[in-house]
Amino acid sequence: MLSSEGEIYTFGEGSHGQLGNSARTKRIRSSYMADDTGKLLHRSVLEKSKFVKFSNIFAGGYWTMGLAMDGRIFACGLNNYGQLGFPLSDEQNNGRGGDLEEQNEKLKINRLTYSPAFPSDKKWTHIAGVKHIVARTDDGEVYGIGLNTDNELGIGTYEGKDDKEHWRYFELQKINFPDGVKIAGITATLGCSIAWTDDGYAYGFGYDSVGQLGLGNTEDEEKCVTTPRKITSAHLDDYKIITVDLADNHSVFLAAKNDE
């Protein structure tokens, strides 16, 4: 939650650092956080004796981000694919052994921390995703970072399981759309993303496992959509898409008739 005074409050399950409160989540009321006074839910960032104020907040799969008043992005949570903009160390990158919980313990950011991967000279309006993240700026540009094994970043670079170079990115990658298209918003979930435009169209990319991208794919070989593909449907004829939201395995489109 974002307060009217620019303060961030988080609550719920925090075992991967997504609440941004402490590295000691298992010792503080297990991994579930709740407080009816609100005092313990406040997540502050102190710099040079001043608290950072925020203008927007975002949350996705095991992560939380805050947009500071000065344009910087602060992030916390699971960074196992570099999706929060923090490159992995050689030890983290090549870690072997131990169970998944032990590995993830080393790959999480426990407190809201400035992420230099998101330039503060850009005005970020949308940020979404799970193991990958897509982000939109106020001028309609879209960027992706993190896991790319389903081409969920929409840049078409991943070539299969033997591709050791393009399966993940620690830096933002520009996602290209047809000339003249200005993106109004983005949404993303595990393995796929959707962007919609000012003039009411939408584009899907990533792994369309159960048809959640709305592209009508029925063949297995068509389910991996490597770059943004325009979504067309008889149900959308004469309608303008207003917004889209992706959940785990389905999407919801809000649309209005073109003459309204």
Protein backbone atom coordinates (compact mmCIF):
# COMPACT_ATOMS: atom_id res chain seq x y z
CA MET A 1 0.00 0.00 0.00
CA LEU A 2 1.07 3.59 -0.69
CA SER A 3 0.00 6.27 1.76
CA SER A 4 -0.90 9.86 0.90
CA GLU A 5 2.42 10.86 2.50
CA GLY A 6 4.51 8.71 0.15
CA GLU A 7 5.08 5.85 2.60
CA ILE A 8 5.03 2.15 1.68
CA TYR A 9 3.28 -0.52 3.77
CA THR A 10 3.42 -4.27 3.07
CA PHE A 11 1.77 -7.33 4.61
CA GLY A 12 1.25 -11.03 3.87
CA GLU A 13 3.73 -13.78 3.10
CA GLY A 14 7.33 -12.60 3.16
CA SER A 15 9.63 -15.61 3.00
CA HIS A 16 11.34 -14.41 -0.19
CA GLY A 17 11.94 -10.85 1.04
CA GLN A 18 8.96 -9.42 -0.85
CA LEU A 19 7.71 -7.55 2.23
CA GLY A 20 10.99 -5.65 2.43
CA ASN A 21 11.11 -5.77 6.20
CA SER A 22 13.86 -8.07 7.45
CA ALA A 23 16.11 -11.03 6.77
CA ARG A 24 14.64 -12.66 9.87
CA THR A 25 11.18 -13.50 8.55
CA LYS A 26 11.23 -17.02 10.01
CA ARG A 27 11.83 -15.66 13.50
CA ILE A 28 9.15 -12.99 13.38
CA ARG A 29 5.76 -14.61 13.48
CA SER A 30 6.84 -17.24 10.95
CA SER A 31 6.71 -15.90 7.38
CA TYR A 32 3.29 -14.24 7.70
CA MET A 33 3.18 -10.57 8.62
CA ALA A 34 0.20 -8.71 10.02
CA ASP A 35 -0.28 -5.75 12.34
CA ASP A 36 -3.57 -3.99 13.00
CA THR A 37 -1.78 -0.79 14.09
CA GLY A 38 0.14 -0.48 10.83
CA LYS A 39 3.39 0.52 12.55
CA LEU A 40 5.18 -2.74 11.85
CA LEU A 41 4.01 -2.73 8.22
CA HIS A 42 5.82 0.48 7.31
CA ARG A 43 8.86 -0.05 5.02
CA SER A 44 11.14 2.96 5.19
CA VAL A 45 14.26 3.86 3.23
CA LEU A 46 16.59 6.24 5.04
CA GLU A 47 19.17 8.23 3.07
CA LYS A 48 21.35 11.00 4.55
CA SER A 49 19.04 11.38 7.55
CA LYS A 50 15.97 11.73 5.32
CA PHE A 51 13.30 9.21 4.44
CA VAL A 52 12.72 8.52 0.76
CA LYS A 53 9.17 9.37 -0.34
CA PHE A 54 7.39 7.31 -3.01
CA SER A 55 4.87 8.19 -5.72
CA ASN A 56 3.87 4.72 -6.95
CA ILE A 57 4.15 1.02 -6.03
CA PHE A 58 4.23 -2.27 -7.94
CA ALA A 59 4.16 -5.94 -6.92
CA GLY A 60 4.44 -9.28 -8.70
CA GLY A 61 5.78 -12.78 -8.15
CA TYR A 62 7.75 -12.63 -4.88
CA TRP A 63 8.81 -8.99 -5.35
CA THR A 64 7.82 -5.43 -4.50
CA MET A 65 8.95 -2.16 -6.08
CA GLY A 66 8.53 1.45 -5.14
CA LEU A 67 8.91 4.48 -7.42
CA ALA A 68 10.59 7.29 -5.48
CA MET A 69 9.61 10.91 -5.99
CA ASP A 70 12.94 11.50 -7.75
CA GLY A 71 12.27 8.73 -10.30
CA ARG A 72 14.43 5.99 -8.80
CA ILE A 73 13.13 2.43 -8.45
CA PHE A 74 13.62 0.61 -5.15
CA ALA A 75 13.06 -3.17 -5.10
CA CYS A 76 12.96 -6.10 -2.70
CA GLY A 77 12.16 -9.79 -3.00
CA LEU A 78 13.38 -12.75 -5.00
CA ASN A 79 16.01 -11.84 -7.58
CA ASN A 80 16.82 -15.38 -8.75
CA TYR A 81 16.95 -14.41 -12.43
CA GLY A 82 18.17 -10.85 -12.00
CA GLN A 83 14.63 -9.62 -12.65
CA LEU A 84 14.88 -6.90 -9.99
CA GLY A 85 17.88 -5.39 -11.71
CA PHE A 86 20.59 -6.75 -9.41
CA PRO A 87 23.18 -8.90 -11.26
CA LEU A 88 24.05 -12.19 -9.59
CA SER A 89 27.53 -12.80 -8.24
CA ASP A 90 29.61 -15.67 -9.63
CA GLU A 91 28.84 -17.67 -6.50
CA GLN A 92 25.11 -17.07 -6.85
CA ASN A 93 25.19 -17.64 -10.60
CA ASN A 94 27.00 -20.95 -10.35
CA GLY A 95 25.63 -22.14 -7.03
CA ARG A 96 25.07 -25.87 -6.78
CA GLY A 97 23.70 -28.10 -4.07
CA GLY A 98 21.20 -27.47 -1.32
CA ASP A 99 17.44 -27.38 -1.67
CA LEU A 100 15.50 -24.67 -3.49
CA GLU A 101 14.74 -22.79 -0.26
CA GLU A 102 18.45 -22.58 0.59
CA GLN A 103 19.30 -21.35 -2.91
CA ASN A 104 16.56 -18.73 -2.89
CA GLU A 105 17.74 -17.48 0.51
CA LYS A 106 20.93 -16.29 -1.20
CA LEU A 107 19.05 -14.71 -4.09
CA LYS A 108 16.67 -12.39 -2.30
CA ILE A 109 16.80 -8.69 -1.52
CA ASN A 110 15.43 -8.27 2.00
CA ARG A 111 14.91 -4.51 2.08
CA LEU A 112 13.82 -1.93 -0.46
CA THR A 113 17.06 -1.22 -2.30
CA TYR A 114 17.82 1.16 -5.15
CA SER A 115 17.94 -0.72 -8.46
CA PRO A 116 20.25 1.07 -10.93
CA ALA A 117 18.94 -1.09 -13.80
CA PHE A 118 15.88 1.19 -14.01
CA PRO A 119 17.10 4.66 -15.11
CA SER A 120 15.66 7.44 -12.97
CA ASP A 121 15.43 9.79 -15.97
CA LYS A 122 12.56 7.66 -17.30
CA LYS A 123 9.08 7.93 -15.79
CA TRP A 124 7.93 4.38 -15.01
CA THR A 125 4.16 3.88 -15.12
CA HIS A 126 3.73 0.08 -15.23
CA ILE A 127 5.93 -2.73 -13.88
CA ALA A 128 4.76 -6.37 -13.84
CA GLY A 129 5.94 -9.96 -14.02
CA VAL A 130 7.21 -12.94 -12.02
CA LYS A 131 10.54 -14.43 -13.10
CA HIS A 132 10.77 -11.77 -15.78
CA ILE A 133 9.63 -8.17 -15.53
CA VAL A 134 8.26 -5.84 -18.18
CA ALA A 135 8.10 -2.10 -17.55
CA ARG A 136 6.51 0.82 -19.41
CA THR A 137 7.55 4.47 -19.44
CA ASP A 138 5.23 7.45 -19.81
CA ASP A 139 6.30 7.91 -23.44
CA GLY A 140 5.01 4.45 -24.36
CA GLU A 141 8.33 2.58 -24.45
CA VAL A 142 8.50 -0.96 -23.01
CA TYR A 143 11.49 -2.80 -21.56
CA GLY A 144 12.07 -6.29 -20.19
CA ILE A 145 14.54 -7.90 -17.79
CA GLY A 146 15.08 -11.30 -16.19
CA LEU A 147 14.19 -14.79 -17.41
CA ASN A 148 13.72 -15.26 -21.17
CA THR A 149 13.43 -19.05 -21.70
CA ASP A 150 9.90 -18.65 -23.08
CA ASN A 151 10.81 -15.48 -25.00
CA GLU A 152 8.62 -13.70 -22.45
CA LEU A 153 10.73 -10.57 -22.92
CA GLY A 154 9.41 -10.32 -26.47
CA ILE A 155 12.81 -9.70 -28.04
CA GLY A 156 12.99 -13.01 -29.92
CA THR A 157 16.55 -13.90 -28.94
CA TYR A 158 16.20 -17.21 -27.11
CA GLU A 159 16.85 -20.16 -29.44
CA GLY A 160 16.33 -23.18 -27.18
CA LYS A 161 17.82 -25.13 -24.29
CA ASP A 162 21.34 -24.98 -25.75
CA ASP A 163 21.26 -21.17 -25.83
CA LYS A 164 23.46 -20.16 -22.88
CA GLU A 165 23.58 -16.47 -23.79
CA HIS A 166 20.01 -15.25 -24.19
CA TRP A 167 18.08 -17.17 -21.53
CA ARG A 168 18.14 -14.29 -19.04
CA TYR A 169 19.09 -10.62 -18.91
CA PHE A 170 20.42 -8.50 -16.04
CA GLU A 171 19.89 -5.27 -17.95
CA LEU A 172 16.74 -3.77 -19.46
CA GLN A 173 16.04 -4.84 -23.05
CA LYS A 174 13.96 -2.62 -25.35
CA ILE A 175 10.85 -4.43 -26.64
CA ASN A 176 9.95 -3.33 -30.15
CA PHE A 177 6.42 -2.96 -31.51
CA PRO A 178 5.23 -2.07 -35.03
CA ASP A 179 6.09 1.45 -36.17
CA GLY A 180 3.69 4.06 -34.90
CA VAL A 181 2.35 1.94 -32.05
CA LYS A 182 2.39 3.66 -28.68
CA ILE A 183 1.92 1.35 -25.73
CA ALA A 184 -0.55 2.54 -23.08
CA GLY A 185 0.02 -0.23 -20.55
CA ILE A 186 1.52 -3.66 -19.88
CA THR A 187 0.75 -6.73 -17.78
CA ALA A 188 2.76 -9.90 -17.25
CA THR A 189 2.72 -13.20 -15.42
CA LEU A 190 4.79 -16.37 -15.42
CA GLY A 191 6.26 -16.85 -18.90
CA CYS A 192 4.18 -14.32 -20.87
CA SER A 193 3.24 -10.67 -21.28
CA ILE A 194 0.56 -8.48 -22.89
CA ALA A 195 0.78 -4.82 -23.91
CA TRP A 196 -2.09 -2.63 -25.09
CA THR A 197 -2.06 0.56 -27.11
CA ASP A 198 -3.55 4.03 -26.95
CA ASP A 199 -5.81 3.23 -29.89
CA GLY A 200 -7.29 0.10 -28.32
CA TYR A 201 -5.28 -2.85 -29.62
CA ALA A 202 -3.21 -5.42 -27.72
CA TYR A 203 -0.09 -7.49 -28.36
CA GLY A 204 0.92 -10.75 -26.67
CA PHE A 205 4.30 -12.46 -26.37
CA GLY A 206 5.87 -15.34 -24.46
CA TYR A 207 4.50 -18.84 -23.86
CA ASP A 208 0.78 -19.03 -24.64
CA SER A 209 0.37 -22.28 -22.68
CA VAL A 210 -3.42 -22.34 -22.27
CA GLY A 211 -4.53 -19.52 -24.55
CA GLN A 212 -4.12 -16.77 -21.95
CA LEU A 213 -2.63 -14.40 -24.53
CA GLY A 214 -5.87 -14.40 -26.50
CA LEU A 215 -4.09 -15.26 -29.75
CA GLY A 216 -6.18 -18.34 -30.50
CA ASN A 217 -3.19 -20.68 -30.63
CA THR A 218 -4.18 -24.34 -30.64
CA GLU A 219 -1.04 -26.05 -31.94
CA ASP A 220 1.91 -26.71 -29.62
CA GLU A 221 4.42 -25.33 -32.09
CA GLU A 222 2.56 -22.00 -32.15
CA LYS A 223 2.47 -21.50 -28.39
CA CYS A 224 5.88 -19.84 -28.10
CA VAL A 225 5.34 -16.28 -29.34
CA THR A 226 8.83 -14.84 -29.63
CA THR A 227 7.98 -11.20 -30.39
CA PRO A 228 4.84 -9.08 -29.83
CA ARG A 229 1.92 -10.39 -31.90
CA LYS A 230 -1.30 -8.47 -32.39
CA ILE A 231 -4.31 -10.04 -30.65
CA THR A 232 -7.33 -10.42 -32.91
CA SER A 233 -10.67 -11.97 -32.00
CA ALA A 234 -14.23 -11.85 -33.23
CA HIS A 235 -15.18 -10.91 -29.68
CA LEU A 236 -13.10 -7.74 -30.02
CA ASP A 237 -14.55 -6.63 -33.35
CA ASP A 238 -15.83 -3.06 -33.04
CA TYR A 239 -14.34 -2.81 -29.56
CA LYS A 240 -11.48 -0.75 -28.19
CA ILE A 241 -9.33 -2.38 -25.50
CA ILE A 242 -9.11 -0.20 -22.40
CA THR A 243 -6.90 -2.36 -20.18
CA VAL A 244 -5.75 -5.96 -19.72
CA ASP A 245 -4.71 -7.99 -16.71
CA LEU A 246 -2.87 -11.33 -16.75
CA ALA A 247 -3.23 -13.83 -13.91
CA ASP A 248 -1.50 -17.22 -13.60
CA ASN A 249 -3.21 -18.93 -16.55
CA HIS A 250 -5.88 -16.54 -17.82
CA SER A 251 -6.31 -12.92 -18.83
CA VAL A 252 -9.10 -10.38 -18.50
CA PHE A 253 -9.77 -7.69 -21.12
CA LEU A 254 -11.78 -4.55 -20.46
CA ALA A 255 -13.09 -3.06 -23.69
CA ALA A 256 -15.62 -0.51 -24.93
CA LYS A 257 -17.47 -0.18 -28.22
CA ASN A 258 -15.65 2.07 -30.66
CA ASP A 259 -18.54 4.54 -30.84
CA GLU A 260 -18.66 5.05 -27.07
